[in-house]
PDB file of N, CA and C in Angstrom:
ATOM      1  N   MET A   1       1.065  -1.370   0.126  1.00  0.00           N
ATOM      2  CA  MET A   1      -0.082  -0.132  -0.207  1.00  0.00           C
ATOM      3  C   MET A   1       0.592   1.362  -0.215  1.00  0.00           C
ATOM      4  N   SER A   2       0.279   2.454  -0.830  1.00  0.00           N
ATOM      5  CA  SER A   2       1.358   3.321  -0.683  1.00  0.00           C
ATOM      6  C   SER A   2       0.026   4.513  -0.207  1.00  0.00           C
ATOM      7  N   THR A   3       0.707   5.775   0.374  1.00  0.00           N
ATOM      8  CA  THR A   3       0.115   6.733   0.373  1.00  0.00           C
ATOM      9  C   THR A   3       0.430   8.147  -0.064  1.00  0.00           C
ATOM     10  N   ALA A   4       0.003   9.042  -0.577  1.00  0.00           N
ATOM     11  CA  ALA A   4       0.771  10.092  -1.426  1.00  0.00           C
ATOM     12  C   ALA A   4       0.681  11.173  -0.283  1.00  0.00           C
ATOM     13  N   LEU A   5       1.597  11.806  -0.173  1.00  0.00           N
ATOM     14  CA  LEU A   5       2.274  13.270   0.429  1.00  0.00           C
ATOM     15  C   LEU A   5       0.517  13.907   0.759  1.00  0.00           C
ATOM     16  N   ASN A   6       0.758  14.148   1.953  1.00  0.00           N
ATOM     17  CA  ASN A   6      -0.855  15.034   2.460  1.00  0.00           C
ATOM     18  C   ASN A   6      -1.921  14.210   2.247  1.00  0.00           C
ATOM     19  N   ALA A   7      -1.841  13.040   2.145  1.00  0.00           N
ATOM     20  CA  ALA A   7      -3.465  12.305   1.733  1.00  0.00           C
ATOM     21  C   ALA A   7      -3.316  11.429   3.200  1.00  0.00           C
ATOM     22  N   PRO A   8      -4.662  11.111   3.516  1.00  0.00           N
ATOM     23  CA  PRO A   8      -5.022  10.640   4.630  1.00  0.00           C
ATOM     24  C   PRO A   8      -4.422   9.594   5.114  1.00  0.00           C
ATOM     25  N   ILE A   9      -4.048   8.914   5.987  1.00  0.00           N
ATOM     26  CA  ILE A   9      -3.591   7.709   6.337  1.00  0.00           C
ATOM     27  C   ILE A   9      -4.617   6.477   6.380  1.00  0.00           C
ATOM     28  N   PRO A  10      -4.202   5.649   6.106  1.00  0.00           N
ATOM     29  CA  PRO A  10      -5.123   4.583   6.514  1.00  0.00           C
ATOM     30  C   PRO A  10      -5.286   4.133   7.659  1.00  0.00           C
ATOM     31  N   SER A  11      -6.198   3.597   8.350  1.00  0.00           N
ATOM     32  CA  SER A  11      -6.509   3.743   9.630  1.00  0.00           C
ATOM     33  C   SER A  11      -5.846   2.509  10.534  1.00  0.00           C
ATOM     34  N   PHE A  12      -5.304   3.265  11.657  1.00  0.00           N
ATOM     35  CA  PHE A  12      -4.261   1.810  12.347  1.00  0.00           C
ATOM     36  C   PHE A  12      -4.385   2.203  13.401  1.00  0.00           C
ATOM     37  N   ASP A  13      -4.131   1.178  14.404  1.00  0.00           N
ATOM     38  CA  ASP A  13      -3.699   1.654  15.621  1.00  0.00           C
ATOM     39  C   ASP A  13      -2.594   0.666  16.262  1.00  0.00           C
ATOM     40  N   ALA A  14      -1.376   1.581  17.107  1.00  0.00           N
ATOM     41  CA  ALA A  14      -0.036   0.684  17.630  1.00  0.00           C
ATOM     42  C   ALA A  14       0.007   1.050  18.881  1.00  0.00           C
ATOM     43  N   LEU A  15       1.030   0.531  19.535  1.00  0.00           N
ATOM     44  CA  LEU A  15       1.075   0.640  21.141  1.00  0.00           C
ATOM     45  C   LEU A  15       2.935   1.002  20.504  1.00  0.00           C
ATOM     46  N   THR A  16       2.958   2.361  21.528  1.00  0.00           N
ATOM     47  CA  THR A  16       4.585   2.810  21.120  1.00  0.00           C
ATOM     48  C   THR A  16       5.434   2.042  22.193  1.00  0.00           C
ATOM     49  N   ALA A  17       6.963   2.178  21.844  1.00  0.00           N
ATOM     50  CA  ALA A  17       7.764   1.393  22.627  1.00  0.00           C
ATOM     51  C   ALA A  17       7.939   1.950  24.069  1.00  0.00           C
ATOM     52  N   THR A  18       8.057   3.250  24.277  1.00  0.00           N
ATOM     53  CA  THR A  18       8.349   3.414  25.772  1.00  0.00           C
ATOM     54  C   THR A  18       7.007   4.601  26.376  1.00  0.00           C
ATOM     55  N   SER A  19       6.347   4.584  25.714  1.00  0.00           N
ATOM     56  CA  SER A  19       5.483   5.545  26.705  1.00  0.00           C
ATOM     57  C   SER A  19       4.506   4.485  27.156  1.00  0.00           C
ATOM     58  N   GLY A  20       4.281   3.731  26.396  1.00  0.00           N
ATOM     59  CA  GLY A  20       3.108   2.652  26.423  1.00  0.00           C
ATOM     60  C   GLY A  20       1.435   3.149  26.274  1.00  0.00           C
ATOM     61  N   THR A  21       1.439   4.395  25.457  1.00  0.00           N
ATOM     62  CA  THR A  21       0.911   4.949  24.784  1.00  0.00           C
ATOM     63  C   THR A  21       0.075   4.408  23.459  1.00  0.00           C
ATOM     64  N   THR A  22      -1.075   4.390  23.023  1.00  0.00           N
ATOM     65  CA  THR A  22      -1.687   4.226  21.564  1.00  0.00           C
ATOM     66  C   THR A  22      -1.835   5.071  20.619  1.00  0.00           C
ATOM     67  N   VAL A  23      -1.285   5.028  19.803  1.00  0.00           N
ATOM     68  CA  VAL A  23      -0.948   5.988  18.502  1.00  0.00           C
ATOM     69  C   VAL A  23      -2.043   5.170  17.240  1.00  0.00           C
ATOM     70  N   SER A  24      -2.774   6.046  17.066  1.00  0.00           N
ATOM     71  CA  SER A  24      -3.957   5.852  15.987  1.00  0.00           C
ATOM     72  C   SER A  24      -4.110   6.613  14.837  1.00  0.00           C
ATOM     73  N   SER A  25      -4.686   6.507  13.746  1.00  0.00           N
ATOM     74  CA  SER A  25      -5.104   7.197  12.811  1.00  0.00           C
ATOM     75  C   SER A  25      -6.344   8.388  12.938  1.00  0.00           C
ATOM     76  N   GLU A  26      -6.468   7.806  14.412  1.00  0.00           N
ATOM     77  CA  GLU A  26      -7.687   8.829  15.152  1.00  0.00           C
ATOM     78  C   GLU A  26      -6.902   9.961  15.709  1.00  0.00           C
ATOM     79  N   THR A  27      -5.672   9.245  16.348  1.00  0.00           N
ATOM     80  CA  THR A  27      -5.633  10.399  17.479  1.00  0.00           C
ATOM     81  C   THR A  27      -4.195  11.330  16.662  1.00  0.00           C
ATOM     82  N   LEU A  28      -3.874  10.954  15.375  1.00  0.00           N
ATOM     83  CA  LEU A  28      -3.542  11.705  15.087  1.00  0.00           C
ATOM     84  C   LEU A  28      -4.029  12.909  13.980  1.00  0.00           C
ATOM     85  N   LYS A  29      -5.101  12.593  13.868  1.00  0.00           N
ATOM     86  CA  LYS A  29      -5.716  13.664  12.664  1.00  0.00           C
ATOM     87  C   LYS A  29      -5.605  15.188  12.956  1.00  0.00           C
ATOM     88  N   GLY A  30      -5.450  15.615  12.146  1.00  0.00           N
ATOM     89  CA  GLY A  30      -5.564  17.066  12.615  1.00  0.00           C
ATOM     90  C   GLY A  30      -3.946  17.704  13.335  1.00  0.00           C
ATOM     91  N   GLN A  31      -3.221  16.904  13.092  1.00  0.00           N
ATOM     92  CA  GLN A  31      -1.770  17.359  13.434  1.00  0.00           C
ATOM     93  C   GLN A  31      -0.904  16.684  12.362  1.00  0.00           C
ATOM     94  N   PHE A  32       0.089  17.572  12.448  1.00  0.00           N
ATOM     95  CA  PHE A  32       1.032  17.259  11.755  1.00  0.00           C
ATOM     96  C   PHE A  32       2.313  16.080  11.879  1.00  0.00           C
ATOM     97  N   SER A  33       2.496  14.906  11.211  1.00  0.00           N
ATOM     98  CA  SER A  33       3.196  13.710  11.591  1.00  0.00           C
ATOM     99  C   SER A  33       4.120  13.548  10.820  1.00  0.00           C
ATOM    100  N   VAL A  34       4.834  12.828  11.225  1.00  0.00           N
ATOM    101  CA  VAL A  34       5.815  12.064  10.360  1.00  0.00           C
ATOM    102  C   VAL A  34       5.830  10.807  10.598  1.00  0.00           C
ATOM    103  N   LEU A  35       5.706   9.658   9.792  1.00  0.00           N
ATOM    104  CA  LEU A  35       5.616   7.966  10.087  1.00  0.00           C
ATOM    105  C   LEU A  35       6.827   7.675   9.545  1.00  0.00           C
ATOM    106  N   TYR A  36       8.308   7.540   9.501  1.00  0.00           N
ATOM    107  CA  TYR A  36       8.672   6.944   8.798  1.00  0.00           C
ATOM    108  C   TYR A  36       9.303   5.102   9.017  1.00  0.00           C
ATOM    109  N   PHE A  37       9.439   4.589   7.824  1.00  0.00           N
ATOM    110  CA  PHE A  37       8.996   3.101   8.054  1.00  0.00           C
ATOM    111  C   PHE A  37      10.357   2.648   7.710  1.00  0.00           C
ATOM    112  N   TYR A  38      11.325   1.604   8.575  1.00  0.00           N
ATOM    113  CA  TYR A  38      12.396   1.225   8.008  1.00  0.00           C
ATOM    114  C   TYR A  38      12.165   0.020   8.652  1.00  0.00           C
ATOM    115  N   PRO A  39      13.306  -0.881   8.344  1.00  0.00           N
ATOM    116  CA  PRO A  39      13.081  -2.443   8.166  1.00  0.00           C
ATOM    117  C   PRO A  39      13.741  -3.046   9.660  1.00  0.00           C
ATOM    118  N   LYS A  40      14.672  -2.442  10.079  1.00  0.00           N
ATOM    119  CA  LYS A  40      15.252  -3.358  11.205  1.00  0.00           C
ATOM    120  C   LYS A  40      15.917  -2.484  12.267  1.00  0.00           C
ATOM    121  N   ASP A  41      15.507  -2.644  13.383  1.00  0.00           N
ATOM    122  CA  ASP A  41      16.457  -1.758  14.685  1.00  0.00           C
ATOM    123  C   ASP A  41      18.047  -2.252  14.223  1.00  0.00           C
ATOM    124  N   SER A  42      18.760  -0.885  14.378  1.00  0.00           N
ATOM    125  CA  SER A  42      20.447  -1.780  15.175  1.00  0.00           C
ATOM    126  C   SER A  42      20.931  -1.808  13.615  1.00  0.00           C
ATOM    127  N   THR A  43      20.566  -1.731  12.522  1.00  0.00           N
ATOM    128  CA  THR A  43      21.246  -1.989  11.129  1.00  0.00           C
ATOM    129  C   THR A  43      21.804  -0.587  10.811  1.00  0.00           C
ATOM    130  N   PRO A  44      23.015  -0.691   9.987  1.00  0.00           N
ATOM    131  CA  PRO A  44      23.440   0.864   9.536  1.00  0.00           C
ATOM    132  C   PRO A  44      22.787   1.655   8.964  1.00  0.00           C
ATOM    133  N   GLY A  45      21.621   0.896   8.138  1.00  0.00           N
ATOM    134  CA  GLY A  45      21.213   2.115   7.472  1.00  0.00           C
ATOM    135  C   GLY A  45      19.942   3.043   8.284  1.00  0.00           C
ATOM    136  N   CYS A  46      19.412   1.766   9.049  1.00  0.00           N
ATOM    137  CA  CYS A  46      18.177   2.499   9.742  1.00  0.00           C
ATOM    138  C   CYS A  46      18.556   3.104  10.580  1.00  0.00           C
ATOM    139  N   THR A  47      19.718   3.059  11.454  1.00  0.00           N
ATOM    140  CA  THR A  47      20.299   3.739  12.722  1.00  0.00           C
ATOM    141  C   THR A  47      20.445   5.147  11.968  1.00  0.00           C
ATOM    142  N   THR A  48      21.448   5.275  10.533  1.00  0.00           N
ATOM    143  CA  THR A  48      21.757   6.626  10.303  1.00  0.00           C
ATOM    144  C   THR A  48      20.281   7.360   9.999  1.00  0.00           C
ATOM    145  N   GLU A  49      19.099   6.643   9.672  1.00  0.00           N
ATOM    146  CA  GLU A  49      18.097   7.311   9.012  1.00  0.00           C
ATOM    147  C   GLU A  49      17.239   7.945  10.744  1.00  0.00           C
ATOM    148  N   SER A  50      17.630   6.821  11.693  1.00  0.00           N
ATOM    149  CA  SER A  50      17.062   7.907  12.920  1.00  0.00           C
ATOM    150  C   SER A  50      17.724   8.522  13.854  1.00  0.00           C
ATOM    151  N   GLN A  51      19.170   8.357  13.318  1.00  0.00           N
ATOM    152  CA  GLN A  51      19.825   9.677  13.803  1.00  0.00           C
ATOM    153  C   GLN A  51      19.809  11.143  13.045  1.00  0.00           C
ATOM    154  N   ASP A  52      19.294  11.057  11.923  1.00  0.00           N
ATOM    155  CA  ASP A  52      19.107  12.055  10.970  1.00  0.00           C
ATOM    156  C   ASP A  52      17.839  12.523  11.636  1.00  0.00           C
ATOM    157  N   PHE A  53      16.738  11.961  11.867  1.00  0.00           N
ATOM    158  CA  PHE A  53      15.683  12.859  12.632  1.00  0.00           C
ATOM    159  C   PHE A  53      15.931  13.110  14.431  1.00  0.00           C
ATOM    160  N   THR A  54      16.889  12.172  14.773  1.00  0.00           N
ATOM    161  CA  THR A  54      17.264  12.743  16.264  1.00  0.00           C
ATOM    162  C   THR A  54      17.402  14.076  15.713  1.00  0.00           C
ATOM    163  N   ARG A  55      18.914  13.890  14.689  1.00  0.00           N
ATOM    164  CA  ARG A  55      18.952  15.603  14.627  1.00  0.00           C
ATOM    165  C   ARG A  55      18.432  16.520  14.358  1.00  0.00           C
ATOM    166  N   LEU A  56      17.195  16.531  13.575  1.00  0.00           N
ATOM    167  CA  LEU A  56      16.116  17.691  13.138  1.00  0.00           C
ATOM    168  C   LEU A  56      15.051  17.529  13.800  1.00  0.00           C
ATOM    169  N   PHE A  57      15.007  16.754  14.904  1.00  0.00           N
ATOM    170  CA  PHE A  57      13.752  16.623  15.981  1.00  0.00           C
ATOM    171  C   PHE A  57      13.538  17.716  16.561  1.00  0.00           C
ATOM    172  N   ASP A  58      14.466  19.166  16.690  1.00  0.00           N
ATOM    173  CA  ASP A  58      13.916  20.263  16.936  1.00  0.00           C
ATOM    174  C   ASP A  58      13.192  20.984  16.271  1.00  0.00           C
ATOM    175  N   GLU A  59      13.518  21.160  14.708  1.00  0.00           N
ATOM    176  CA  GLU A  59      13.064  21.637  13.944  1.00  0.00           C
ATOM    177  C   GLU A  59      11.766  21.133  13.843  1.00  0.00           C
ATOM    178  N   PHE A  60      11.709  19.594  13.600  1.00  0.00           N
ATOM    179  CA  PHE A  60      10.012  19.115  13.147  1.00  0.00           C
ATOM    180  C   PHE A  60       9.138  19.740  14.643  1.00  0.00           C
ATOM    181  N   GLN A  61       9.786  19.579  15.691  1.00  0.00           N
ATOM    182  CA  GLN A  61       9.028  20.498  16.906  1.00  0.00           C
ATOM    183  C   GLN A  61       8.678  21.769  16.264  1.00  0.00           C
ATOM    184  N   ALA A  62       9.735  22.441  16.263  1.00  0.00           N
ATOM    185  CA  ALA A  62       9.266  24.050  15.836  1.00  0.00           C
ATOM    186  C   ALA A  62       7.748  24.366  14.960  1.00  0.00           C
ATOM    187  N   LEU A  63       7.970  23.372  13.962  1.00  0.00           N
ATOM    188  CA  LEU A  63       6.496  23.191  13.114  1.00  0.00           C
ATOM    189  C   LEU A  63       5.521  22.563  13.853  1.00  0.00           C
ATOM    190  N   ASN A  64       5.328  22.282  15.086  1.00  0.00           N
ATOM    191  CA  ASN A  64       4.830  21.080  15.842  1.00  0.00           C
ATOM    192  C   ASN A  64       4.124  20.051  15.183  1.00  0.00           C
ATOM    193  N   CYS A  65       5.233  19.291  14.540  1.00  0.00           N
ATOM    194  CA  CYS A  65       5.141  18.074  13.671  1.00  0.00           C
ATOM    195  C   CYS A  65       5.436  17.242  14.720  1.00  0.00           C
ATOM    196  N   GLN A  66       5.147  16.067  15.173  1.00  0.00           N
ATOM    197  CA  GLN A  66       5.480  15.132  15.402  1.00  0.00           C
ATOM    198  C   GLN A  66       6.097  13.723  14.782  1.00  0.00           C
ATOM    199  N   ILE A  67       7.439  13.170  15.347  1.00  0.00           N
ATOM    200  CA  ILE A  67       7.697  11.844  14.808  1.00  0.00           C
ATOM    201  C   ILE A  67       7.450  10.643  15.273  1.00  0.00           C
ATOM    202  N   PHE A  68       7.279   9.542  14.213  1.00  0.00           N
ATOM    203  CA  PHE A  68       7.563   8.580  14.927  1.00  0.00           C
ATOM    204  C   PHE A  68       8.001   7.198  13.670  1.00  0.00           C
ATOM    205  N   GLY A  69       9.197   6.202  14.076  1.00  0.00           N
ATOM    206  CA  GLY A  69       9.642   5.620  13.201  1.00  0.00           C
ATOM    207  C   GLY A  69       8.666   4.516  13.522  1.00  0.00           C
ATOM    208  N   VAL A  70       8.571   3.484  12.868  1.00  0.00           N
ATOM    209  CA  VAL A  70       7.721   2.222  12.537  1.00  0.00           C
ATOM    210  C   VAL A  70       8.718   1.127  11.806  1.00  0.00           C
ATOM    211  N   SER A  71       8.477   0.134  12.833  1.00  0.00           N
ATOM    212  CA  SER A  71       9.091  -1.438  12.374  1.00  0.00           C
ATOM    213  C   SER A  71       8.643  -2.620  12.705  1.00  0.00           C
ATOM    214  N   ARG A  72       8.687  -3.695  12.198  1.00  0.00           N
ATOM    215  CA  ARG A  72       8.182  -4.807  12.923  1.00  0.00           C
ATOM    216  C   ARG A  72       9.003  -5.266  13.392  1.00  0.00           C
ATOM    217  N   ASP A  73       9.846  -4.452  14.314  1.00  0.00           N
ATOM    218  CA  ASP A  73      10.768  -5.011  15.283  1.00  0.00           C
ATOM    219  C   ASP A  73       9.530  -5.026  16.784  1.00  0.00           C
ATOM    220  N   SER A  74      10.105  -5.870  17.594  1.00  0.00           N
ATOM    221  CA  SER A  74       9.375  -5.599  19.081  1.00  0.00           C
ATOM    222  C   SER A  74       9.543  -4.378  19.459  1.00  0.00           C
ATOM    223  N   VAL A  75       8.295  -4.260  20.806  1.00  0.00           N
ATOM    224  CA  VAL A  75       8.107  -3.212  21.669  1.00  0.00           C
ATOM    225  C   VAL A  75       9.899  -3.392  22.215  1.00  0.00           C
ATOM    226  N   LYS A  76      10.573  -4.040  23.271  1.00  0.00           N
ATOM    227  CA  LYS A  76      11.822  -4.319  23.641  1.00  0.00           C
ATOM    228  C   LYS A  76      12.798  -3.935  22.846  1.00  0.00           C
ATOM    229  N   SER A  77      12.687  -4.361  21.382  1.00  0.00           N
ATOM    230  CA  SER A  77      13.795  -4.233  20.499  1.00  0.00           C
ATOM    231  C   SER A  77      14.127  -2.833  20.381  1.00  0.00           C
ATOM    232  N   HIS A  78      12.929  -2.085  20.299  1.00  0.00           N
ATOM    233  CA  HIS A  78      12.734  -0.649  19.721  1.00  0.00           C
ATOM    234  C   HIS A  78      12.766  -0.132  21.456  1.00  0.00           C
ATOM    235  N   GLU A  79      12.456  -0.257  22.521  1.00  0.00           N
ATOM    236  CA  GLU A  79      13.146   0.283  23.795  1.00  0.00           C
ATOM    237  C   GLU A  79      14.300   0.201  23.893  1.00  0.00           C
ATOM    238  N   ASN A  80      15.233  -0.930  23.782  1.00  0.00           N
ATOM    239  CA  ASN A  80      16.767  -0.706  23.334  1.00  0.00           C
ATOM    240  C   ASN A  80      17.489  -0.180  22.269  1.00  0.00           C
ATOM    241  N   PHE A  81      17.053   0.058  21.200  1.00  0.00           N
ATOM    242  CA  PHE A  81      17.181   0.830  19.947  1.00  0.00           C
ATOM    243  C   PHE A  81      17.553   2.143  20.535  1.00  0.00           C
ATOM    244  N   LYS A  82      15.976   2.802  21.033  1.00  0.00           N
ATOM    245  CA  LYS A  82      16.096   4.437  21.091  1.00  0.00           C
ATOM    246  C   LYS A  82      16.506   4.378  22.223  1.00  0.00           C
ATOM    247  N   ALA A  83      16.978   3.894  23.300  1.00  0.00           N
ATOM    248  CA  ALA A  83      17.576   4.316  24.506  1.00  0.00           C
ATOM    249  C   ALA A  83      19.230   4.267  23.875  1.00  0.00           C
ATOM    250  N   LYS A  84      19.968   3.772  23.309  1.00  0.00           N
ATOM    251  CA  LYS A  84      21.102   3.625  22.676  1.00  0.00           C
ATOM    252  C   LYS A  84      21.310   4.860  21.916  1.00  0.00           C
ATOM    253  N   HIS A  85      20.103   5.149  21.131  1.00  0.00           N
ATOM    254  CA  HIS A  85      20.540   6.336  20.301  1.00  0.00           C
ATOM    255  C   HIS A  85      19.987   7.648  20.653  1.00  0.00           C
ATOM    256  N   ASP A  86      19.526   7.540  22.413  1.00  0.00           N
ATOM    257  CA  ASP A  86      18.769   8.824  22.998  1.00  0.00           C
ATOM    258  C   ASP A  86      17.880   9.172  21.720  1.00  0.00           C
ATOM    259  N   MET A  87      16.776   8.769  21.399  1.00  0.00           N
ATOM    260  CA  MET A  87      15.753   9.299  20.658  1.00  0.00           C
ATOM    261  C   MET A  87      15.042   9.516  20.948  1.00  0.00           C
ATOM    262  N   PRO A  88      14.425  11.078  20.856  1.00  0.00           N
ATOM    263  CA  PRO A  88      13.324  11.851  21.553  1.00  0.00           C
ATOM    264  C   PRO A  88      11.701  11.442  20.900  1.00  0.00           C
ATOM    265  N   PHE A  89      11.863  10.599  20.211  1.00  0.00           N
ATOM    266  CA  PHE A  89      10.283  10.615  19.424  1.00  0.00           C
ATOM    267  C   PHE A  89      10.179   8.799  19.629  1.00  0.00           C
ATOM    268  N   GLU A  90       8.966   8.454  19.460  1.00  0.00           N
ATOM    269  CA  GLU A  90       8.356   7.190  19.650  1.00  0.00           C
ATOM    270  C   GLU A  90       8.580   6.099  18.444  1.00  0.00           C
ATOM    271  N   LEU A  91       8.758   4.999  19.174  1.00  0.00           N
ATOM    272  CA  LEU A  91       9.067   4.122  17.648  1.00  0.00           C
ATOM    273  C   LEU A  91       7.919   2.843  17.964  1.00  0.00           C
ATOM    274  N   ILE A  92       7.417   2.879  16.869  1.00  0.00           N
ATOM    275  CA  ILE A  92       6.122   1.986  16.923  1.00  0.00           C
ATOM    276  C   ILE A  92       6.366   0.605  16.569  1.00  0.00           C
ATOM    277  N   SER A  93       6.149  -0.485  17.226  1.00  0.00           N
ATOM    278  CA  SER A  93       5.910  -1.895  16.342  1.00  0.00           C
ATOM    279  C   SER A  93       4.971  -2.647  15.630  1.00  0.00           C
ATOM    280  N   ASP A  94       5.579  -2.471  14.282  1.00  0.00           N
ATOM    281  CA  ASP A  94       4.282  -2.928  13.526  1.00  0.00           C
ATOM    282  C   ASP A  94       4.678  -4.480  13.063  1.00  0.00           C
ATOM    283  N   PRO A  95       4.329  -5.171  13.611  1.00  0.00           N
ATOM    284  CA  PRO A  95       4.488  -7.155  13.376  1.00  0.00           C
ATOM    285  C   PRO A  95       3.871  -7.472  12.192  1.00  0.00           C
ATOM    286  N   ASP A  96       2.797  -6.752  11.985  1.00  0.00           N
ATOM    287  CA  ASP A  96       2.285  -7.500  11.214  1.00  0.00           C
ATOM    288  C   ASP A  96       2.366  -7.130   9.242  1.00  0.00           C
ATOM    289  N   GLU A  97       2.851  -5.699   9.605  1.00  0.00           N
ATOM    290  CA  GLU A  97       3.067  -4.908   8.243  1.00  0.00           C
ATOM    291  C   GLU A  97       2.239  -4.265   7.400  1.00  0.00           C
TER     292      GLU A  97
END
């Protein structure tokens, strides 16, 4: 499935890795959000991508835009990945892709 820029996102709900909150298409409605998808925690390319979003986090915040990283890794894997790289945003586990 692909989604065009500025198009409504498909319906979903998912548990975040560290805050224990549920993020859904409904909770994001009316907010600027970036959901970036990556294959696996702690791989070189995925780590670089996540570090780039970490580096740019304040700029996104200044635009009232929240960031979420999404992969099929477990919540526990996300907790470790997020802590290791001091990511200021949430990661979402999507085991069903």
